Amino acid sequence: MVEFQENILKIISWLPSLLNGARITISLTVCAMSAGLVLSLFIALGKMSKNVIINKLCTVYTFFFRGTPLLMQIYFIYYALPMVSPVFLINTGAAEADRFIYAFIAFSLNMAAYLAEIIRAAIQSIDKGQFEASRALGLTYAQTMRLVIIPQSIRRLIPPVGNEFILMLKDVSLVSMIALVDITRATRTIENSTRSPLVYIPAMILYLIITAVFTFIFRKLEKKYSVYE
């Protein structure tokens, strides 16, 4: 009983560090997903463009980021790019902020490649008659996409986008390799200093709670936008 109480006290003492790591994990995931969504829309439209140059550039972009490991992309952006040119060097005066920005760039670019394919598939799943009817009514291509096609695509986008969000939430653990203190890095730091594997229990529970919360949010969004189906 005494040992059990001691373990509970240990876990409680670890919570501040783990919660701080959770703050980084959630912030990076939300920020990178938001930026990735915006960028992916342009890439998806670029891949659907009849302009050969734009189409090829967007195709190469998605091929590169989908065809190389995310960890290698993080290493390349964090270590290699600043060595290629000082232009790519980020120096805010705070090492943790620098690592966060590098990780944000890497995850945003990677996520955009995956989301672009999802968005393109959702747009192309809309009946072509919708495009023709909109153009017949005098709507421009941009108006057709904004007022007709994208609203109908939203519900079809939410489930796969939600899945990508949850996957990225867990992939963010890779930033521990560049010493950014997310949940995984905080867990390993505690484990190294205390030699207690018990820290993995609250860490995994924390991941489960965060995943459950965002899964619930995406389900609510899916129901809300089901009106377009």
C-alpha atoms as a PDB file:
ATOM      1  CA  MET A   1       0.000   0.000   0.000  1.00  0.00           C
ATOM      2  CA  VAL A   2       2.834   2.376   0.889  1.00  0.00           C
ATOM      3  CA  GLU A   3       4.576   1.602  -2.399  1.00  0.00           C
ATOM      4  CA  PHE A   4       1.357   2.267  -4.304  1.00  0.00           C
ATOM      5  CA  GLN A   5       0.969   5.667  -2.621  1.00  0.00           C
ATOM      6  CA  GLU A   6       4.580   6.519  -3.411  1.00  0.00           C
ATOM      7  CA  ASN A   7       4.013   5.674  -7.071  1.00  0.00           C
ATOM      8  CA  ILE A   8       0.915   7.878  -7.173  1.00  0.00           C
ATOM      9  CA  LEU A   9       2.884  10.762  -5.667  1.00  0.00           C
ATOM     10  CA  LYS A  10       5.612  10.235  -8.262  1.00  0.00           C
ATOM     11  CA  ILE A  11       3.110  10.357 -11.099  1.00  0.00           C
ATOM     12  CA  ILE A  12       1.569  13.542  -9.683  1.00  0.00           C
ATOM     13  CA  SER A  13       5.009  15.140  -9.466  1.00  0.00           C
ATOM     14  CA  TRP A  14       5.633  14.312 -13.126  1.00  0.00           C
ATOM     15  CA  LEU A  15       2.380  15.829 -14.379  1.00  0.00           C
ATOM     16  CA  PRO A  16       3.604  19.462 -14.760  1.00  0.00           C
ATOM     17  CA  SER A  17       6.406  18.372 -17.119  1.00  0.00           C
ATOM     18  CA  LEU A  18       4.120  16.051 -19.058  1.00  0.00           C
ATOM     19  CA  LEU A  19       1.412  18.710 -19.352  1.00  0.00           C
ATOM     20  CA  ASN A  20       3.957  21.214 -20.630  1.00  0.00           C
ATOM     21  CA  GLY A  21       4.973  18.634 -23.213  1.00  0.00           C
ATOM     22  CA  ALA A  22       1.299  18.169 -24.095  1.00  0.00           C
ATOM     23  CA  ARG A  23       1.038  21.912 -24.690  1.00  0.00           C
ATOM     24  CA  ILE A  24       3.836  21.699 -27.254  1.00  0.00           C
ATOM     25  CA  THR A  25       2.339  18.577 -28.849  1.00  0.00           C
ATOM     26  CA  ILE A  26      -1.119  20.107 -29.237  1.00  0.00           C
ATOM     27  CA  SER A  27       0.142  23.533 -30.332  1.00  0.00           C
ATOM     28  CA  LEU A  28       2.420  22.078 -32.998  1.00  0.00           C
ATOM     29  CA  THR A  29      -0.264  19.726 -34.291  1.00  0.00           C
ATOM     30  CA  VAL A  30      -2.970  22.402 -34.530  1.00  0.00           C
ATOM     31  CA  CYS A  31      -0.668  25.023 -36.069  1.00  0.00           C
ATOM     32  CA  ALA A  32       0.876  22.637 -38.602  1.00  0.00           C
ATOM     33  CA  MET A  33      -2.491  21.163 -39.542  1.00  0.00           C
ATOM     34  CA  SER A  34      -3.987  24.638 -40.075  1.00  0.00           C
ATOM     35  CA  ALA A  35      -1.092  25.792 -42.250  1.00  0.00           C
ATOM     36  CA  GLY A  36      -1.045  22.461 -44.063  1.00  0.00           C
ATOM     37  CA  LEU A  37      -4.747  22.725 -44.896  1.00  0.00           C
ATOM     38  CA  VAL A  38      -4.331  26.163 -46.449  1.00  0.00           C
ATOM     39  CA  LEU A  39      -1.292  25.115 -48.468  1.00  0.00           C
ATOM     40  CA  SER A  40      -2.863  21.800 -49.490  1.00  0.00           C
ATOM     41  CA  LEU A  41      -5.863  23.543 -51.056  1.00  0.00           C
ATOM     42  CA  PHE A  42      -3.585  25.413 -53.471  1.00  0.00           C
ATOM     43  CA  ILE A  43      -1.586  22.258 -54.196  1.00  0.00           C
ATOM     44  CA  ALA A  44      -4.760  20.265 -54.857  1.00  0.00           C
ATOM     45  CA  LEU A  45      -6.057  22.934 -57.231  1.00  0.00           C
ATOM     46  CA  GLY A  46      -2.610  23.066 -58.828  1.00  0.00           C
ATOM     47  CA  LYS A  47      -2.672  19.328 -59.504  1.00  0.00           C
ATOM     48  CA  MET A  48      -6.071  19.761 -61.126  1.00  0.00           C
ATOM     49  CA  SER A  49      -4.870  22.726 -63.188  1.00  0.00           C
ATOM     50  CA  LYS A  50      -4.583  22.460 -66.957  1.00  0.00           C
ATOM     51  CA  ASN A  51      -1.394  24.510 -66.765  1.00  0.00           C
ATOM     52  CA  VAL A  52       1.329  21.917 -67.322  1.00  0.00           C
ATOM     53  CA  ILE A  53       4.019  23.730 -65.317  1.00  0.00           C
ATOM     54  CA  ILE A  54       1.818  24.270 -62.256  1.00  0.00           C
ATOM     55  CA  ASN A  55       0.508  20.728 -62.484  1.00  0.00           C
ATOM     56  CA  LYS A  56       3.999  19.222 -62.649  1.00  0.00           C
ATOM     57  CA  LEU A  57       5.355  21.369 -59.821  1.00  0.00           C
ATOM     58  CA  CYS A  58       2.521  20.332 -57.506  1.00  0.00           C
ATOM     59  CA  THR A  59       2.921  16.693 -58.547  1.00  0.00           C
ATOM     60  CA  VAL A  60       6.655  16.776 -57.754  1.00  0.00           C
ATOM     61  CA  TYR A  61       5.922  18.435 -54.409  1.00  0.00           C
ATOM     62  CA  THR A  62       3.486  15.728 -53.298  1.00  0.00           C
ATOM     63  CA  PHE A  63       5.747  12.981 -54.624  1.00  0.00           C
ATOM     64  CA  PHE A  64       8.722  14.296 -52.650  1.00  0.00           C
ATOM     65  CA  PHE A  65       6.974  14.771 -49.294  1.00  0.00           C
ATOM     66  CA  ARG A  66       4.940  11.577 -49.546  1.00  0.00           C
ATOM     67  CA  GLY A  67       7.907   9.557 -50.774  1.00  0.00           C
ATOM     68  CA  THR A  68      10.478  10.461 -48.125  1.00  0.00           C
ATOM     69  CA  PRO A  69      10.376   9.695 -44.373  1.00  0.00           C
ATOM     70  CA  LEU A  70       9.027  12.466 -42.151  1.00  0.00           C
ATOM     71  CA  LEU A  71      11.953  12.099 -39.751  1.00  0.00           C
ATOM     72  CA  MET A  72      14.408  12.667 -42.587  1.00  0.00           C
ATOM     73  CA  GLN A  73      12.465  15.759 -43.638  1.00  0.00           C
ATOM     74  CA  ILE A  74      12.708  17.110 -40.091  1.00  0.00           C
ATOM     75  CA  TYR A  75      16.451  16.450 -40.023  1.00  0.00           C
ATOM     76  CA  PHE A  76      16.898  18.071 -43.432  1.00  0.00           C
ATOM     77  CA  ILE A  77      14.984  21.226 -42.502  1.00  0.00           C
ATOM     78  CA  TYR A  78      16.534  21.501 -39.034  1.00  0.00           C
ATOM     79  CA  TYR A  79      20.141  20.542 -39.760  1.00  0.00           C
ATOM     80  CA  ALA A  80      20.840  20.705 -43.509  1.00  0.00           C
ATOM     81  CA  LEU A  81      18.994  23.804 -44.746  1.00  0.00           C
ATOM     82  CA  PRO A  82      20.744  26.249 -42.361  1.00  0.00           C
ATOM     83  CA  MET A  83      24.069  24.833 -43.618  1.00  0.00           C
ATOM     84  CA  VAL A  84      23.024  25.294 -47.247  1.00  0.00           C
ATOM     85  CA  SER A  85      22.346  28.994 -46.757  1.00  0.00           C
ATOM     86  CA  PRO A  86      22.105  31.428 -43.818  1.00  0.00           C
ATOM     87  CA  VAL A  87      18.746  32.474 -45.265  1.00  0.00           C
ATOM     88  CA  PHE A  88      17.245  29.324 -43.772  1.00  0.00           C
ATOM     89  CA  LEU A  89      18.731  29.922 -40.339  1.00  0.00           C
ATOM     90  CA  ILE A  90      16.126  30.702 -37.688  1.00  0.00           C
ATOM     91  CA  ASN A  91      17.438  32.493 -34.628  1.00  0.00           C
ATOM     92  CA  THR A  92      14.833  33.996 -32.335  1.00  0.00           C
ATOM     93  CA  GLY A  93      17.138  34.006 -29.335  1.00  0.00           C
ATOM     94  CA  ALA A  94      15.264  31.105 -27.755  1.00  0.00           C
ATOM     95  CA  ALA A  95      16.402  27.607 -28.712  1.00  0.00           C
ATOM     96  CA  GLU A  96      13.024  26.042 -27.896  1.00  0.00           C
ATOM     97  CA  ALA A  97      11.204  28.563 -30.111  1.00  0.00           C
ATOM     98  CA  ASP A  98      13.667  27.911 -32.959  1.00  0.00           C
ATOM     99  CA  ARG A  99      13.057  24.160 -32.739  1.00  0.00           C
ATOM    100  CA  PHE A 100       9.294  24.712 -32.681  1.00  0.00           C
ATOM    101  CA  ILE A 101       9.431  26.820 -35.851  1.00  0.00           C
ATOM    102  CA  TYR A 102      11.597  24.285 -37.676  1.00  0.00           C
ATOM    103  CA  ALA A 103       9.247  21.487 -36.631  1.00  0.00           C
ATOM    104  CA  PHE A 104       6.230  23.580 -37.647  1.00  0.00           C
ATOM    105  CA  ILE A 105       7.673  24.101 -41.129  1.00  0.00           C
ATOM    106  CA  ALA A 106       8.511  20.411 -41.560  1.00  0.00           C
ATOM    107  CA  PHE A 107       5.102  19.168 -40.416  1.00  0.00           C
ATOM    108  CA  SER A 108       3.185  21.801 -42.378  1.00  0.00           C
ATOM    109  CA  LEU A 109       4.950  20.950 -45.634  1.00  0.00           C
ATOM    110  CA  ASN A 110       4.575  17.215 -45.047  1.00  0.00           C
ATOM    111  CA  MET A 111       0.921  17.435 -44.065  1.00  0.00           C
ATOM    112  CA  ALA A 112       0.104  19.644 -47.059  1.00  0.00           C
ATOM    113  CA  ALA A 113       1.248  16.886 -49.429  1.00  0.00           C
ATOM    114  CA  TYR A 114      -1.081  14.318 -47.855  1.00  0.00           C
ATOM    115  CA  LEU A 115      -4.022  16.663 -47.433  1.00  0.00           C
ATOM    116  CA  ALA A 116      -3.710  17.832 -51.042  1.00  0.00           C
ATOM    117  CA  GLU A 117      -4.472  14.323 -52.263  1.00  0.00           C
ATOM    118  CA  ILE A 118      -7.452  14.085 -49.913  1.00  0.00           C
ATOM    119  CA  ILE A 119      -8.828  17.435 -51.055  1.00  0.00           C
ATOM    120  CA  ARG A 120      -8.278  16.630 -54.727  1.00  0.00           C
ATOM    121  CA  ALA A 121     -10.098  13.315 -54.367  1.00  0.00           C
ATOM    122  CA  ALA A 122     -12.994  14.980 -52.514  1.00  0.00           C
ATOM    123  CA  ILE A 123     -13.370  17.698 -55.156  1.00  0.00           C
ATOM    124  CA  GLN A 124     -13.201  15.227 -58.020  1.00  0.00           C
ATOM    125  CA  SER A 125     -15.829  13.058 -56.329  1.00  0.00           C
ATOM    126  CA  ILE A 126     -18.419  15.813 -56.862  1.00  0.00           C
ATOM    127  CA  ASP A 127     -20.528  15.190 -59.950  1.00  0.00           C
ATOM    128  CA  LYS A 128     -19.253  17.093 -63.001  1.00  0.00           C
ATOM    129  CA  GLY A 129     -22.779  18.288 -63.613  1.00  0.00           C
ATOM    130  CA  GLN A 130     -22.304  20.619 -60.647  1.00  0.00           C
ATOM    131  CA  PHE A 131     -19.451  22.372 -62.452  1.00  0.00           C
ATOM    132  CA  GLU A 132     -21.380  22.612 -65.706  1.00  0.00           C
ATOM    133  CA  ALA A 133     -24.523  23.942 -64.033  1.00  0.00           C
ATOM    134  CA  SER A 134     -22.529  26.560 -62.123  1.00  0.00           C
ATOM    135  CA  ARG A 135     -20.756  27.766 -65.249  1.00  0.00           C
ATOM    136  CA  ALA A 136     -24.079  27.870 -67.075  1.00  0.00           C
ATOM    137  CA  LEU A 137     -25.373  30.204 -64.368  1.00  0.00           C
ATOM    138  CA  GLY A 138     -22.460  32.545 -65.051  1.00  0.00           C
ATOM    139  CA  LEU A 139     -20.300  31.703 -62.041  1.00  0.00           C
ATOM    140  CA  THR A 140     -16.559  31.963 -62.440  1.00  0.00           C
ATOM    141  CA  TYR A 141     -14.292  29.017 -61.634  1.00  0.00           C
ATOM    142  CA  ALA A 142     -13.376  30.576 -58.279  1.00  0.00           C
ATOM    143  CA  GLN A 143     -17.033  31.231 -57.405  1.00  0.00           C
ATOM    144  CA  THR A 144     -17.973  27.696 -58.434  1.00  0.00           C
ATOM    145  CA  MET A 145     -15.327  26.221 -56.152  1.00  0.00           C
ATOM    146  CA  ARG A 146     -16.107  28.536 -53.215  1.00  0.00           C
ATOM    147  CA  LEU A 147     -19.909  28.477 -53.362  1.00  0.00           C
ATOM    148  CA  VAL A 148     -20.760  25.095 -54.828  1.00  0.00           C
ATOM    149  CA  ILE A 149     -17.998  22.492 -54.886  1.00  0.00           C
ATOM    150  CA  ILE A 150     -16.036  23.043 -51.662  1.00  0.00           C
ATOM    151  CA  PRO A 151     -19.141  23.212 -49.380  1.00  0.00           C
ATOM    152  CA  GLN A 152     -20.249  19.848 -50.771  1.00  0.00           C
ATOM    153  CA  SER A 153     -16.742  18.439 -50.322  1.00  0.00           C
ATOM    154  CA  ILE A 154     -16.417  19.422 -46.674  1.00  0.00           C
ATOM    155  CA  ARG A 155     -18.257  16.451 -45.187  1.00  0.00           C
ATOM    156  CA  ARG A 156     -16.248  14.039 -47.323  1.00  0.00           C
ATOM    157  CA  LEU A 157     -13.056  15.753 -46.212  1.00  0.00           C
ATOM    158  CA  ILE A 158     -13.632  15.687 -42.465  1.00  0.00           C
ATOM    159  CA  PRO A 159     -13.159  11.926 -41.760  1.00  0.00           C
ATOM    160  CA  PRO A 160      -9.840  11.550 -43.653  1.00  0.00           C
ATOM    161  CA  VAL A 161      -8.590  14.943 -42.432  1.00  0.00           C
ATOM    162  CA  GLY A 162      -9.472  13.889 -38.884  1.00  0.00           C
ATOM    163  CA  ASN A 163      -7.504  10.678 -39.352  1.00  0.00           C
ATOM    164  CA  GLU A 164      -4.492  12.623 -40.646  1.00  0.00           C
ATOM    165  CA  PHE A 165      -4.758  14.963 -37.658  1.00  0.00           C
ATOM    166  CA  ILE A 166      -4.677  12.071 -35.187  1.00  0.00           C
ATOM    167  CA  LEU A 167      -1.769  10.464 -37.031  1.00  0.00           C
ATOM    168  CA  MET A 168       0.163  13.721 -36.953  1.00  0.00           C
ATOM    169  CA  LEU A 169      -0.619  14.147 -33.266  1.00  0.00           C
ATOM    170  CA  LYS A 170       1.279  10.932 -32.651  1.00  0.00           C
ATOM    171  CA  ASP A 171       3.970  11.635 -35.260  1.00  0.00           C
ATOM    172  CA  VAL A 172       4.813  14.856 -33.425  1.00  0.00           C
ATOM    173  CA  SER A 173       6.732  12.604 -31.041  1.00  0.00           C
ATOM    174  CA  LEU A 174       9.467  12.639 -33.712  1.00  0.00           C
ATOM    175  CA  VAL A 175      10.375  16.202 -32.701  1.00  0.00           C
ATOM    176  CA  SER A 176      11.995  14.741 -29.619  1.00  0.00           C
ATOM    177  CA  MET A 177      14.848  13.850 -32.007  1.00  0.00           C
ATOM    178  CA  ILE A 178      15.671  17.553 -32.352  1.00  0.00           C
ATOM    179  CA  ALA A 179      15.291  18.113 -28.587  1.00  0.00           C
ATOM    180  CA  LEU A 180      11.903  19.839 -28.743  1.00  0.00           C
ATOM    181  CA  VAL A 181      10.190  18.999 -25.463  1.00  0.00           C
ATOM    182  CA  ASP A 182       6.886  17.396 -26.400  1.00  0.00           C
ATOM    183  CA  ILE A 183       5.199  14.625 -24.395  1.00  0.00           C
ATOM    184  CA  THR A 184       7.645  11.984 -25.622  1.00  0.00           C
ATOM    185  CA  ARG A 185      10.740  14.073 -24.902  1.00  0.00           C
ATOM    186  CA  ALA A 186       9.419  14.999 -21.445  1.00  0.00           C
ATOM    187  CA  THR A 187       8.700  11.322 -20.745  1.00  0.00           C
ATOM    188  CA  ARG A 188      12.176  10.210 -21.757  1.00  0.00           C
ATOM    189  CA  THR A 189      13.775  12.988 -19.702  1.00  0.00           C
ATOM    190  CA  ILE A 190      11.851  11.931 -16.594  1.00  0.00           C
ATOM    191  CA  GLU A 191      12.617   8.259 -17.195  1.00  0.00           C
ATOM    192  CA  ASN A 192      16.347   8.976 -17.595  1.00  0.00           C
ATOM    193  CA  SER A 193      16.507  11.035 -14.414  1.00  0.00           C
ATOM    194  CA  THR A 194      14.357   8.777 -12.195  1.00  0.00           C
ATOM    195  CA  ARG A 195      15.014   5.372 -13.809  1.00  0.00           C
ATOM    196  CA  SER A 196      11.315   4.710 -13.349  1.00  0.00           C
ATOM    197  CA  PRO A 197       9.392   3.215 -16.293  1.00  0.00           C
ATOM    198  CA  LEU A 198       6.144   4.163 -14.531  1.00  0.00           C
ATOM    199  CA  VAL A 199       6.289   7.528 -16.302  1.00  0.00           C
ATOM    200  CA  TYR A 200       5.148   5.837 -19.512  1.00  0.00           C
ATOM    201  CA  ILE A 201       1.752   5.125 -17.923  1.00  0.00           C
ATOM    202  CA  PRO A 202       0.625   8.771 -17.434  1.00  0.00           C
ATOM    203  CA  ALA A 203       2.284   9.681 -20.759  1.00  0.00           C
ATOM    204  CA  MET A 204       0.234   7.131 -22.692  1.00  0.00           C
ATOM    205  CA  ILE A 205      -2.933   8.077 -20.805  1.00  0.00           C
ATOM    206  CA  LEU A 206      -2.293  11.707 -21.729  1.00  0.00           C
ATOM    207  CA  TYR A 207      -1.956  10.760 -25.402  1.00  0.00           C
ATOM    208  CA  LEU A 208      -5.200   8.776 -25.191  1.00  0.00           C
ATOM    209  CA  ILE A 209      -7.067  11.694 -23.607  1.00  0.00           C
ATOM    210  CA  ILE A 210      -5.861  14.162 -26.247  1.00  0.00           C
ATOM    211  CA  THR A 211      -6.698  11.725 -29.046  1.00  0.00           C
ATOM    212  CA  ALA A 212     -10.162  11.095 -27.603  1.00  0.00           C
ATOM    213  CA  VAL A 213     -10.892  14.829 -27.335  1.00  0.00           C
ATOM    214  CA  PHE A 214      -9.933  15.581 -30.923  1.00  0.00           C
ATOM    215  CA  THR A 215     -11.719  12.477 -32.221  1.00  0.00           C
ATOM    216  CA  PHE A 216     -14.873  13.754 -30.501  1.00  0.00           C
ATOM    217  CA  ILE A 217     -14.394  17.209 -32.070  1.00  0.00           C
ATOM    218  CA  PHE A 218     -14.040  15.793 -35.582  1.00  0.00           C
ATOM    219  CA  ARG A 219     -17.118  13.612 -35.131  1.00  0.00           C
ATOM    220  CA  LYS A 220     -19.111  16.675 -34.101  1.00  0.00           C
ATOM    221  CA  LEU A 221     -17.848  18.559 -37.157  1.00  0.00           C
ATOM    222  CA  GLU A 222     -18.779  15.654 -39.408  1.00  0.00           C
ATOM    223  CA  LYS A 223     -22.351  15.693 -38.085  1.00  0.00           C
ATOM    224  CA  LYS A 224     -22.562  19.465 -38.386  1.00  0.00           C
ATOM    225  CA  TYR A 225     -21.555  19.508 -42.049  1.00  0.00           C
ATOM    226  CA  SER A 226     -23.566  16.430 -43.007  1.00  0.00           C
ATOM    227  CA  VAL A 227     -26.211  18.892 -44.222  1.00  0.00           C
ATOM    228  CA  TYR A 228     -24.151  19.267 -47.407  1.00  0.00           C
ATOM    229  CA  GLU A 229     -24.419  15.574 -48.225  1.00  0.00           C
END
